[in-house]
């Protein structure tokens, strides 16, 4: 997820996993159509983990390469997850790659 800021755009990276997370975690299973849209393997069951994430700054990152994205999730899938993430963000684990 990319957030526009005057000091530079901030990017949040959420991990995927092929192992079903514990029920206590904040996660969502990624439907096959969304896996295809995102350029992921549509045949694998994947979960998006939303209670841990990395952050980085676009343009000043040592980790990001200036390549176009290979795909993306639809707004219908991601926006409800994003709203729930924003409401609970302070409780989650963040790893900053630029501080």
PDB file of N, CA and C in Angstrom:
ATOM      1  N   UNK A   1       0.841  -1.151   0.000  1.00  0.00           N
ATOM      2  CA  UNK A   1       0.000   0.000   0.000  1.00  0.00           C
ATOM      3  C   UNK A   1       0.899   1.230   0.000  1.00  0.00           C
ATOM      4  N   UNK A   2       0.566   2.217  -0.830  1.00  0.00           N
ATOM      5  CA  UNK A   2       1.363   3.440  -0.960  1.00  0.00           C
ATOM      6  C   UNK A   2       0.566   4.624  -0.417  1.00  0.00           C
ATOM      7  N   UNK A   3       1.210   5.406   0.461  1.00  0.00           N
ATOM      8  CA  UNK A   3       0.581   6.560   1.086  1.00  0.00           C
ATOM      9  C   UNK A   3       1.368   7.801   0.688  1.00  0.00           C
ATOM     10  N   UNK A   4       0.702   8.751   0.030  1.00  0.00           N
ATOM     11  CA  UNK A   4       1.352   9.994  -0.376  1.00  0.00           C
ATOM     12  C   UNK A   4       1.602  10.898   0.819  1.00  0.00           C
ATOM     13  N   UNK A   5       2.839  11.402   0.930  1.00  0.00           N
ATOM     14  CA  UNK A   5       3.221  12.318   1.997  1.00  0.00           C
ATOM     15  C   UNK A   5       4.142  13.380   1.422  1.00  0.00           C
ATOM     16  N   UNK A   6       4.134  14.605   1.968  1.00  0.00           N
ATOM     17  CA  UNK A   6       5.004  15.671   1.447  1.00  0.00           C
ATOM     18  C   UNK A   6       6.488  15.324   1.487  1.00  0.00           C
ATOM     19  N   UNK A   7       6.920  14.582   2.507  1.00  0.00           N
ATOM     20  CA  UNK A   7       8.338  14.226   2.652  1.00  0.00           C
ATOM     21  C   UNK A   7       8.731  13.035   1.793  1.00  0.00           C
ATOM     22  N   UNK A   8       7.795  12.475   1.065  1.00  0.00           N
ATOM     23  CA  UNK A   8       8.043  11.293   0.244  1.00  0.00           C
ATOM     24  C   UNK A   8       6.998  10.236   0.524  1.00  0.00           C
ATOM     25  N   UNK A   9       6.606   9.523  -0.503  1.00  0.00           N
ATOM     26  CA  UNK A   9       5.576   8.499  -0.350  1.00  0.00           C
ATOM     27  C   UNK A   9       6.067   7.361   0.528  1.00  0.00           C
ATOM     28  N   UNK A  10       5.200   6.931   1.410  1.00  0.00           N
ATOM     29  CA  UNK A  10       5.470   5.824   2.311  1.00  0.00           C
ATOM     30  C   UNK A  10       4.795   4.577   1.744  1.00  0.00           C
ATOM     31  N   UNK A  11       5.508   3.472   1.756  1.00  0.00           N
ATOM     32  CA  UNK A  11       4.951   2.209   1.270  1.00  0.00           C
ATOM     33  C   UNK A  11       4.885   1.236   2.437  1.00  0.00           C
ATOM     34  N   UNK A  12       3.739   0.574   2.560  1.00  0.00           N
ATOM     35  CA  UNK A  12       3.563  -0.466   3.566  1.00  0.00           C
ATOM     36  C   UNK A  12       3.557  -1.801   2.847  1.00  0.00           C
ATOM     37  N   UNK A  13       4.347  -2.733   3.350  1.00  0.00           N
ATOM     38  CA  UNK A  13       4.441  -4.073   2.772  1.00  0.00           C
ATOM     39  C   UNK A  13       3.868  -5.080   3.765  1.00  0.00           C
ATOM     40  N   UNK A  14       2.876  -5.836   3.322  1.00  0.00           N
ATOM     41  CA  UNK A  14       2.262  -6.863   4.140  1.00  0.00           C
ATOM     42  C   UNK A  14       2.724  -8.222   3.628  1.00  0.00           C
ATOM     43  N   UNK A  15       3.093  -9.126   4.520  1.00  0.00           N
ATOM     44  CA  UNK A  15       3.564 -10.446   4.065  1.00  0.00           C
ATOM     45  C   UNK A  15       2.418 -11.353   3.619  1.00  0.00           C
ATOM     46  N   UNK A  16       2.751 -12.269   2.722  1.00  0.00           N
ATOM     47  CA  UNK A  16       1.863 -13.359   2.310  1.00  0.00           C
ATOM     48  C   UNK A  16       2.410 -14.636   2.931  1.00  0.00           C
ATOM     49  N   UNK A  17       1.552 -15.613   3.093  1.00  0.00           N
ATOM     50  CA  UNK A  17       2.005 -16.919   3.548  1.00  0.00           C
ATOM     51  C   UNK A  17       1.156 -18.011   2.911  1.00  0.00           C
ATOM     52  N   UNK A  18       1.751 -19.177   2.756  1.00  0.00           N
ATOM     53  CA  UNK A  18       1.009 -20.343   2.262  1.00  0.00           C
ATOM     54  C   UNK A  18       0.503 -21.191   3.420  1.00  0.00           C
ATOM     55  N   UNK A  19       0.918 -20.848   4.645  1.00  0.00           N
ATOM     56  CA  UNK A  19       0.486 -21.569   5.837  1.00  0.00           C
ATOM     57  C   UNK A  19      -0.661 -20.799   6.489  1.00  0.00           C
ATOM     58  N   UNK A  20      -1.771 -21.480   6.727  1.00  0.00           N
ATOM     59  CA  UNK A  20      -2.920 -20.807   7.324  1.00  0.00           C
ATOM     60  C   UNK A  20      -2.546 -20.239   8.689  1.00  0.00           C
ATOM     61  N   UNK A  21      -2.769 -18.928   8.889  1.00  0.00           N
ATOM     62  CA  UNK A  21      -2.403 -18.294  10.159  1.00  0.00           C
ATOM     63  C   UNK A  21      -3.292 -18.759  11.316  1.00  0.00           C
ATOM     64  N   UNK A  22      -2.791 -18.563  12.528  1.00  0.00           N
ATOM     65  CA  UNK A  22      -3.570 -18.857  13.718  1.00  0.00           C
ATOM     66  C   UNK A  22      -4.765 -17.915  13.782  1.00  0.00           C
ATOM     67  N   UNK A  23      -5.835 -18.370  14.384  1.00  0.00           N
ATOM     68  CA  UNK A  23      -7.076 -17.588  14.452  1.00  0.00           C
ATOM     69  C   UNK A  23      -6.899 -16.253  15.167  1.00  0.00           C
ATOM     70  N   UNK A  24      -5.903 -16.139  16.040  1.00  0.00           N
ATOM     71  CA  UNK A  24      -5.683 -14.899  16.791  1.00  0.00           C
ATOM     72  C   UNK A  24      -5.052 -13.792  15.946  1.00  0.00           C
ATOM     73  N   UNK A  25      -4.560 -14.122  14.775  1.00  0.00           N
ATOM     74  CA  UNK A  25      -3.903 -13.153  13.892  1.00  0.00           C
ATOM     75  C   UNK A  25      -4.933 -12.365  13.095  1.00  0.00           C
ATOM     76  N   UNK A  26      -4.529 -11.197  12.556  1.00  0.00           N
ATOM     77  CA  UNK A  26      -5.360 -10.402  11.656  1.00  0.00           C
ATOM     78  C   UNK A  26      -4.881 -10.734  10.248  1.00  0.00           C
ATOM     79  N   UNK A  27      -5.696 -11.466   9.494  1.00  0.00           N
ATOM     80  CA  UNK A  27      -5.302 -11.944   8.172  1.00  0.00           C
ATOM     81  C   UNK A  27      -6.532 -12.066   7.283  1.00  0.00           C
ATOM     82  N   UNK A  28      -6.286 -12.277   6.006  1.00  0.00           N
ATOM     83  CA  UNK A  28      -7.366 -12.545   5.053  1.00  0.00           C
ATOM     84  C   UNK A  28      -6.846 -13.537   4.032  1.00  0.00           C
ATOM     85  N   UNK A  29      -7.659 -14.530   3.725  1.00  0.00           N
ATOM     86  CA  UNK A  29      -7.286 -15.436   2.633  1.00  0.00           C
ATOM     87  C   UNK A  29      -7.495 -14.683   1.331  1.00  0.00           C
ATOM     88  N   UNK A  30      -6.548 -14.823   0.426  1.00  0.00           N
ATOM     89  CA  UNK A  30      -6.610 -14.120  -0.859  1.00  0.00           C
ATOM     90  C   UNK A  30      -7.335 -15.015  -1.853  1.00  0.00           C
ATOM     91  N   UNK A  31      -8.496 -14.568  -2.357  1.00  0.00           N
ATOM     92  CA  UNK A  31      -9.236 -15.380  -3.333  1.00  0.00           C
ATOM     93  C   UNK A  31      -8.441 -15.573  -4.630  1.00  0.00           C
ATOM     94  N   UNK A  32      -8.751 -16.625  -5.366  1.00  0.00           N
ATOM     95  CA  UNK A  32      -8.024 -16.946  -6.609  1.00  0.00           C
ATOM     96  C   UNK A  32      -8.043 -15.784  -7.591  1.00  0.00           C
ATOM     97  N   UNK A  33      -9.182 -15.124  -7.752  1.00  0.00           N
ATOM     98  CA  UNK A  33      -9.244 -14.008  -8.713  1.00  0.00           C
ATOM     99  C   UNK A  33      -8.307 -12.875  -8.292  1.00  0.00           C
ATOM    100  N   UNK A  34      -8.181 -12.633  -6.995  1.00  0.00           N
ATOM    101  CA  UNK A  34      -7.272 -11.591  -6.512  1.00  0.00           C
ATOM    102  C   UNK A  34      -5.818 -12.021  -6.659  1.00  0.00           C
ATOM    103  N   UNK A  35      -5.542 -13.299  -6.484  1.00  0.00           N
ATOM    104  CA  UNK A  35      -4.170 -13.795  -6.696  1.00  0.00           C
ATOM    105  C   UNK A  35      -3.767 -13.573  -8.153  1.00  0.00           C
ATOM    106  N   UNK A  36      -4.695 -13.847  -9.077  1.00  0.00           N
ATOM    107  CA  UNK A  36      -4.392 -13.614 -10.499  1.00  0.00           C
ATOM    108  C   UNK A  36      -4.175 -12.128 -10.776  1.00  0.00           C
ATOM    109  N   UNK A  37      -5.046 -11.276 -10.240  1.00  0.00           N
ATOM    110  CA  UNK A  37      -4.906  -9.824 -10.453  1.00  0.00           C
ATOM    111  C   UNK A  37      -3.564  -9.304  -9.939  1.00  0.00           C
ATOM    112  N   UNK A  38      -3.107  -9.881  -8.854  1.00  0.00           N
ATOM    113  CA  UNK A  38      -1.855  -9.427  -8.235  1.00  0.00           C
ATOM    114  C   UNK A  38      -0.616 -10.070  -8.853  1.00  0.00           C
ATOM    115  N   UNK A  39      -0.816 -10.980  -9.794  1.00  0.00           N
ATOM    116  CA  UNK A  39       0.329 -11.643 -10.411  1.00  0.00           C
ATOM    117  C   UNK A  39       0.895 -12.759  -9.557  1.00  0.00           C
ATOM    118  N   UNK A  40       0.100 -13.272  -8.631  1.00  0.00           N
ATOM    119  CA  UNK A  40       0.525 -14.366  -7.750  1.00  0.00           C
ATOM    120  C   UNK A  40       0.040 -15.693  -8.319  1.00  0.00           C
ATOM    121  N   UNK A  41       0.545 -16.774  -7.780  1.00  0.00           N
ATOM    122  CA  UNK A  41       0.154 -18.109  -8.224  1.00  0.00           C
ATOM    123  C   UNK A  41      -1.295 -18.372  -7.811  1.00  0.00           C
ATOM    124  N   UNK A  42      -2.190 -18.471  -8.785  1.00  0.00           N
ATOM    125  CA  UNK A  42      -3.616 -18.651  -8.515  1.00  0.00           C
ATOM    126  C   UNK A  42      -3.930 -20.040  -7.971  1.00  0.00           C
ATOM    127  N   UNK A  43      -3.006 -20.980  -8.115  1.00  0.00           N
ATOM    128  CA  UNK A  43      -3.244 -22.352  -7.664  1.00  0.00           C
ATOM    129  C   UNK A  43      -2.861 -22.587  -6.200  1.00  0.00           C
ATOM    130  N   UNK A  44      -2.140 -21.651  -5.605  1.00  0.00           N
ATOM    131  CA  UNK A  44      -1.736 -21.779  -4.195  1.00  0.00           C
ATOM    132  C   UNK A  44      -2.728 -21.057  -3.300  1.00  0.00           C
ATOM    133  N   UNK A  45      -3.055 -21.663  -2.156  1.00  0.00           N
ATOM    134  CA  UNK A  45      -3.819 -20.924  -1.152  1.00  0.00           C
ATOM    135  C   UNK A  45      -2.851 -19.954  -0.478  1.00  0.00           C
ATOM    136  N   UNK A  46      -3.224 -18.685  -0.439  1.00  0.00           N
ATOM    137  CA  UNK A  46      -2.380 -17.659   0.162  1.00  0.00           C
ATOM    138  C   UNK A  46      -3.191 -16.812   1.134  1.00  0.00           C
ATOM    139  N   UNK A  47      -2.520 -16.372   2.194  1.00  0.00           N
ATOM    140  CA  UNK A  47      -3.127 -15.481   3.162  1.00  0.00           C
ATOM    141  C   UNK A  47      -2.289 -14.220   3.236  1.00  0.00           C
ATOM    142  N   UNK A  48      -2.967 -13.101   3.367  1.00  0.00           N
ATOM    143  CA  UNK A  48      -2.340 -11.800   3.555  1.00  0.00           C
ATOM    144  C   UNK A  48      -2.358 -11.512   5.054  1.00  0.00           C
ATOM    145  N   UNK A  49      -1.182 -11.301   5.625  1.00  0.00           N
ATOM    146  CA  UNK A  49      -1.057 -11.027   7.055  1.00  0.00           C
ATOM    147  C   UNK A  49      -1.088  -9.515   7.246  1.00  0.00           C
ATOM    148  N   UNK A  50      -2.003  -9.036   8.079  1.00  0.00           N
ATOM    149  CA  UNK A  50      -2.180  -7.597   8.236  1.00  0.00           C
ATOM    150  C   UNK A  50      -1.803  -7.071   9.616  1.00  0.00           C
ATOM    151  N   UNK A  51      -1.341  -7.930  10.507  1.00  0.00           N
ATOM    152  CA  UNK A  51      -0.951  -7.442  11.825  1.00  0.00           C
ATOM    153  C   UNK A  51       0.561  -7.281  11.974  1.00  0.00           C
ATOM    154  N   UNK A  52       1.278  -7.400  10.873  1.00  0.00           N
ATOM    155  CA  UNK A  52       2.704  -7.069  10.842  1.00  0.00           C
ATOM    156  C   UNK A  52       3.007  -6.540   9.448  1.00  0.00           C
ATOM    157  N   UNK A  53       3.905  -5.568   9.390  1.00  0.00           N
ATOM    158  CA  UNK A  53       4.203  -4.952   8.099  1.00  0.00           C
ATOM    159  C   UNK A  53       5.536  -4.218   8.159  1.00  0.00           C
ATOM    160  N   UNK A  54       6.103  -4.000   6.989  1.00  0.00           N
ATOM    161  CA  UNK A  54       7.315  -3.200   6.836  1.00  0.00           C
ATOM    162  C   UNK A  54       6.927  -1.875   6.188  1.00  0.00           C
ATOM    163  N   UNK A  55       7.678  -0.822   6.485  1.00  0.00           N
ATOM    164  CA  UNK A  55       7.478   0.466   5.830  1.00  0.00           C
ATOM    165  C   UNK A  55       8.788   0.907   5.195  1.00  0.00           C
ATOM    166  N   UNK A  56       8.662   1.662   4.115  1.00  0.00           N
ATOM    167  CA  UNK A  56       9.836   2.200   3.429  1.00  0.00           C
ATOM    168  C   UNK A  56       9.417   3.460   2.681  1.00  0.00           C
ATOM    169  N   UNK A  57      10.391   4.297   2.336  1.00  0.00           N
ATOM    170  CA  UNK A  57      10.133   5.519   1.582  1.00  0.00           C
ATOM    171  C   UNK A  57      10.474   5.316   0.118  1.00  0.00           C
ATOM    172  N   UNK A  58       9.562   5.689  -0.752  1.00  0.00           N
ATOM    173  CA  UNK A  58       9.803   5.617  -2.191  1.00  0.00           C
ATOM    174  C   UNK A  58      10.838   6.682  -2.547  1.00  0.00           C
ATOM    175  N   UNK A  59      11.778   6.341  -3.380  1.00  0.00           N
ATOM    176  CA  UNK A  59      12.792   7.289  -3.831  1.00  0.00           C
ATOM    177  C   UNK A  59      14.041   7.312  -2.977  1.00  0.00           C
ATOM    178  N   UNK A  60      13.971   6.887  -1.741  1.00  0.00           N
ATOM    179  CA  UNK A  60      15.138   6.884  -0.877  1.00  0.00           C
ATOM    180  C   UNK A  60      15.448   5.507  -0.331  1.00  0.00           C
ATOM    181  N   UNK A  61      14.845   4.509  -0.919  1.00  0.00           N
ATOM    182  CA  UNK A  61      14.957   3.154  -0.394  1.00  0.00           C
ATOM    183  C   UNK A  61      16.136   2.414  -1.007  1.00  0.00           C
ATOM    184  N   UNK A  62      16.780   1.613  -0.178  1.00  0.00           N
ATOM    185  CA  UNK A  62      17.820   0.707  -0.666  1.00  0.00           C
ATOM    186  C   UNK A  62      17.217  -0.641  -1.052  1.00  0.00           C
ATOM    187  N   UNK A  63      15.931  -0.831  -0.755  1.00  0.00           N
ATOM    188  CA  UNK A  63      15.272  -2.121  -0.972  1.00  0.00           C
ATOM    189  C   UNK A  63      14.341  -2.137  -2.175  1.00  0.00           C
ATOM    190  N   UNK A  64      13.824  -0.966  -2.559  1.00  0.00           N
ATOM    191  CA  UNK A  64      12.872  -0.896  -3.663  1.00  0.00           C
ATOM    192  C   UNK A  64      13.589  -0.646  -4.980  1.00  0.00           C
ATOM    193  N   UNK A  65      13.161  -1.334  -6.004  1.00  0.00           N
ATOM    194  CA  UNK A  65      13.701  -1.117  -7.335  1.00  0.00           C
ATOM    195  C   UNK A  65      12.641  -0.419  -8.180  1.00  0.00           C
ATOM    196  N   UNK A  66      13.047   0.500  -9.040  1.00  0.00           N
ATOM    197  CA  UNK A  66      12.068   1.261  -9.836  1.00  0.00           C
ATOM    198  C   UNK A  66      11.495   0.445 -10.996  1.00  0.00           C
ATOM    199  N   UNK A  67      10.734  -0.561 -10.657  1.00  0.00           N
ATOM    200  CA  UNK A  67      10.092  -1.396 -11.671  1.00  0.00           C
ATOM    201  C   UNK A  67       8.593  -1.243 -11.531  1.00  0.00           C
ATOM    202  N   UNK A  68       7.850  -1.358 -12.619  1.00  0.00           N
ATOM    203  CA  UNK A  68       6.390  -1.274 -12.489  1.00  0.00           C
ATOM    204  C   UNK A  68       5.853  -2.485 -11.738  1.00  0.00           C
ATOM    205  N   UNK A  69       4.736  -2.320 -11.033  1.00  0.00           N
ATOM    206  CA  UNK A  69       4.163  -3.453 -10.300  1.00  0.00           C
ATOM    207  C   UNK A  69       3.701  -4.548 -11.250  1.00  0.00           C
ATOM    208  N   UNK A  70       3.734  -5.783 -10.772  1.00  0.00           N
ATOM    209  CA  UNK A  70       3.307  -6.906 -11.620  1.00  0.00           C
ATOM    210  C   UNK A  70       1.805  -7.123 -11.538  1.00  0.00           C
ATOM    211  N   UNK A  71       1.157  -6.495 -10.586  1.00  0.00           N
ATOM    212  CA  UNK A  71      -0.284  -6.617 -10.430  1.00  0.00           C
ATOM    213  C   UNK A  71      -0.732  -5.905  -9.182  1.00  0.00           C
ATOM    214  N   UNK A  72      -2.026  -5.998  -8.916  1.00  0.00           N
ATOM    215  CA  UNK A  72      -2.582  -5.354  -7.728  1.00  0.00           C
ATOM    216  C   UNK A  72      -3.897  -6.000  -7.349  1.00  0.00           C
ATOM    217  N   UNK A  73      -4.289  -5.787  -6.096  1.00  0.00           N
ATOM    218  CA  UNK A  73      -5.585  -6.265  -5.639  1.00  0.00           C
ATOM    219  C   UNK A  73      -6.663  -5.281  -6.063  1.00  0.00           C
ATOM    220  N   UNK A  74      -7.877  -5.764  -6.206  1.00  0.00           N
ATOM    221  CA  UNK A  74      -9.005  -4.887  -6.525  1.00  0.00           C
ATOM    222  C   UNK A  74      -9.367  -4.068  -5.287  1.00  0.00           C
ATOM    223  N   UNK A  75      -9.986  -2.920  -5.526  1.00  0.00           N
ATOM    224  CA  UNK A  75     -10.453  -2.089  -4.417  1.00  0.00           C
ATOM    225  C   UNK A  75     -11.519  -2.816  -3.605  1.00  0.00           C
ATOM    226  N   UNK A  76     -12.367  -3.578  -4.277  1.00  0.00           N
ATOM    227  CA  UNK A  76     -13.437  -4.305  -3.585  1.00  0.00           C
ATOM    228  C   UNK A  76     -12.873  -5.290  -2.554  1.00  0.00           C
ATOM    229  N   UNK A  77     -11.722  -5.869  -2.838  1.00  0.00           N
ATOM    230  CA  UNK A  77     -11.090  -6.800  -1.904  1.00  0.00           C
ATOM    231  C   UNK A  77     -10.288  -6.054  -0.840  1.00  0.00           C
ATOM    232  N   UNK A  78      -9.472  -5.084  -1.268  1.00  0.00           N
ATOM    233  CA  UNK A  78      -8.478  -4.506  -0.366  1.00  0.00           C
ATOM    234  C   UNK A  78      -9.015  -3.388   0.524  1.00  0.00           C
ATOM    235  N   UNK A  79      -9.938  -2.547   0.052  1.00  0.00           N
ATOM    236  CA  UNK A  79     -10.392  -1.409   0.855  1.00  0.00           C
ATOM    237  C   UNK A  79     -11.044  -1.805   2.177  1.00  0.00           C
ATOM    238  N   UNK A  80     -11.907  -2.824   2.220  1.00  0.00           N
ATOM    239  CA  UNK A  80     -12.434  -3.223   3.536  1.00  0.00           C
ATOM    240  C   UNK A  80     -11.336  -3.687   4.499  1.00  0.00           C
ATOM    241  N   UNK A  81     -10.330  -4.388   3.977  1.00  0.00           N
ATOM    242  CA  UNK A  81      -9.200  -4.804   4.817  1.00  0.00           C
ATOM    243  C   UNK A  81      -8.412  -3.593   5.294  1.00  0.00           C
ATOM    244  N   UNK A  82      -8.221  -2.641   4.399  1.00  0.00           N
ATOM    245  CA  UNK A  82      -7.484  -1.432   4.737  1.00  0.00           C
ATOM    246  C   UNK A  82      -8.189  -0.643   5.833  1.00  0.00           C
ATOM    247  N   UNK A  83      -9.503  -0.525   5.753  1.00  0.00           N
ATOM    248  CA  UNK A  83     -10.263   0.188   6.789  1.00  0.00           C
ATOM    249  C   UNK A  83     -10.091  -0.491   8.152  1.00  0.00           C
ATOM    250  N   UNK A  84     -10.156  -1.803   8.169  1.00  0.00           N
ATOM    251  CA  UNK A  84      -9.965  -2.544   9.425  1.00  0.00           C
ATOM    252  C   UNK A  84      -8.531  -2.384   9.932  1.00  0.00           C
ATOM    253  N   UNK A  85      -7.561  -2.383   9.014  1.00  0.00           N
ATOM    254  CA  UNK A  85      -6.161  -2.194   9.389  1.00  0.00           C
ATOM    255  C   UNK A  85      -5.961  -0.816  10.025  1.00  0.00           C
ATOM    256  N   UNK A  86      -6.483   0.233   9.402  1.00  0.00           N
ATOM    257  CA  UNK A  86      -6.316   1.599   9.914  1.00  0.00           C
ATOM    258  C   UNK A  86      -6.917   1.730  11.308  1.00  0.00           C
ATOM    259  N   UNK A  87      -8.070   1.138  11.522  1.00  0.00           N
ATOM    260  CA  UNK A  87      -8.733   1.224  12.819  1.00  0.00           C
ATOM    261  C   UNK A  87      -7.919   0.561  13.928  1.00  0.00           C
ATOM    262  N   UNK A  88      -7.101  -0.424  13.577  1.00  0.00           N
ATOM    263  CA  UNK A  88      -6.364  -1.200  14.585  1.00  0.00           C
ATOM    264  C   UNK A  88      -4.844  -1.065  14.464  1.00  0.00           C
ATOM    265  N   UNK A  89      -4.346  -0.171  13.650  1.00  0.00           N
ATOM    266  CA  UNK A  89      -2.920  -0.116  13.306  1.00  0.00           C
ATOM    267  C   UNK A  89      -1.979  -0.034  14.506  1.00  0.00           C
ATOM    268  N   UNK A  90      -2.334   0.709  15.521  1.00  0.00           N
ATOM    269  CA  UNK A  90      -1.426   0.895  16.661  1.00  0.00           C
ATOM    270  C   UNK A  90      -1.093  -0.412  17.378  1.00  0.00           C
ATOM    271  N   UNK A  91      -1.928  -1.420  17.229  1.00  0.00           N
ATOM    272  CA  UNK A  91      -1.707  -2.698  17.907  1.00  0.00           C
ATOM    273  C   UNK A  91      -0.804  -3.639  17.116  1.00  0.00           C
ATOM    274  N   UNK A  92      -0.411  -3.250  15.905  1.00  0.00           N
ATOM    275  CA  UNK A  92       0.327  -4.153  15.024  1.00  0.00           C
ATOM    276  C   UNK A  92       1.827  -3.894  15.081  1.00  0.00           C
ATOM    277  N   UNK A  93       2.602  -4.834  14.547  1.00  0.00           N
ATOM    278  CA  UNK A  93       4.057  -4.756  14.544  1.00  0.00           C
ATOM    279  C   UNK A  93       4.553  -4.139  13.242  1.00  0.00           C
ATOM    280  N   UNK A  94       5.265  -3.024  13.362  1.00  0.00           N
ATOM    281  CA  UNK A  94       5.824  -2.333  12.194  1.00  0.00           C
ATOM    282  C   UNK A  94       7.343  -2.433  12.222  1.00  0.00           C
ATOM    283  N   UNK A  95       7.934  -2.719  11.071  1.00  0.00           N
ATOM    284  CA  UNK A  95       9.388  -2.684  10.910  1.00  0.00           C
ATOM    285  C   UNK A  95       9.683  -1.610   9.873  1.00  0.00           C
ATOM    286  N   UNK A  96      10.350  -0.552  10.303  1.00  0.00           N
ATOM    287  CA  UNK A  96      10.673   0.549   9.405  1.00  0.00           C
ATOM    288  C   UNK A  96      11.998   0.275   8.719  1.00  0.00           C
ATOM    289  N   UNK A  97      12.038   0.431   7.414  1.00  0.00           N
ATOM    290  CA  UNK A  97      13.269   0.218   6.646  1.00  0.00           C
ATOM    291  C   UNK A  97      14.006   1.520   6.366  1.00  0.00           C
ATOM    292  N   UNK A  98      13.488   2.670   6.843  1.00  0.00           N
ATOM    293  CA  UNK A  98      14.130   3.944   6.522  1.00  0.00           C
ATOM    294  C   UNK A  98      14.542   4.724   7.762  1.00  0.00           C
ATOM    295  N   UNK A  99      14.324   4.231   8.950  1.00  0.00           N
ATOM    296  CA  UNK A  99      14.711   4.968  10.170  1.00  0.00           C
ATOM    297  C   UNK A  99      15.945   4.387  10.784  1.00  0.00           C
TER     298      UNK A  99
END
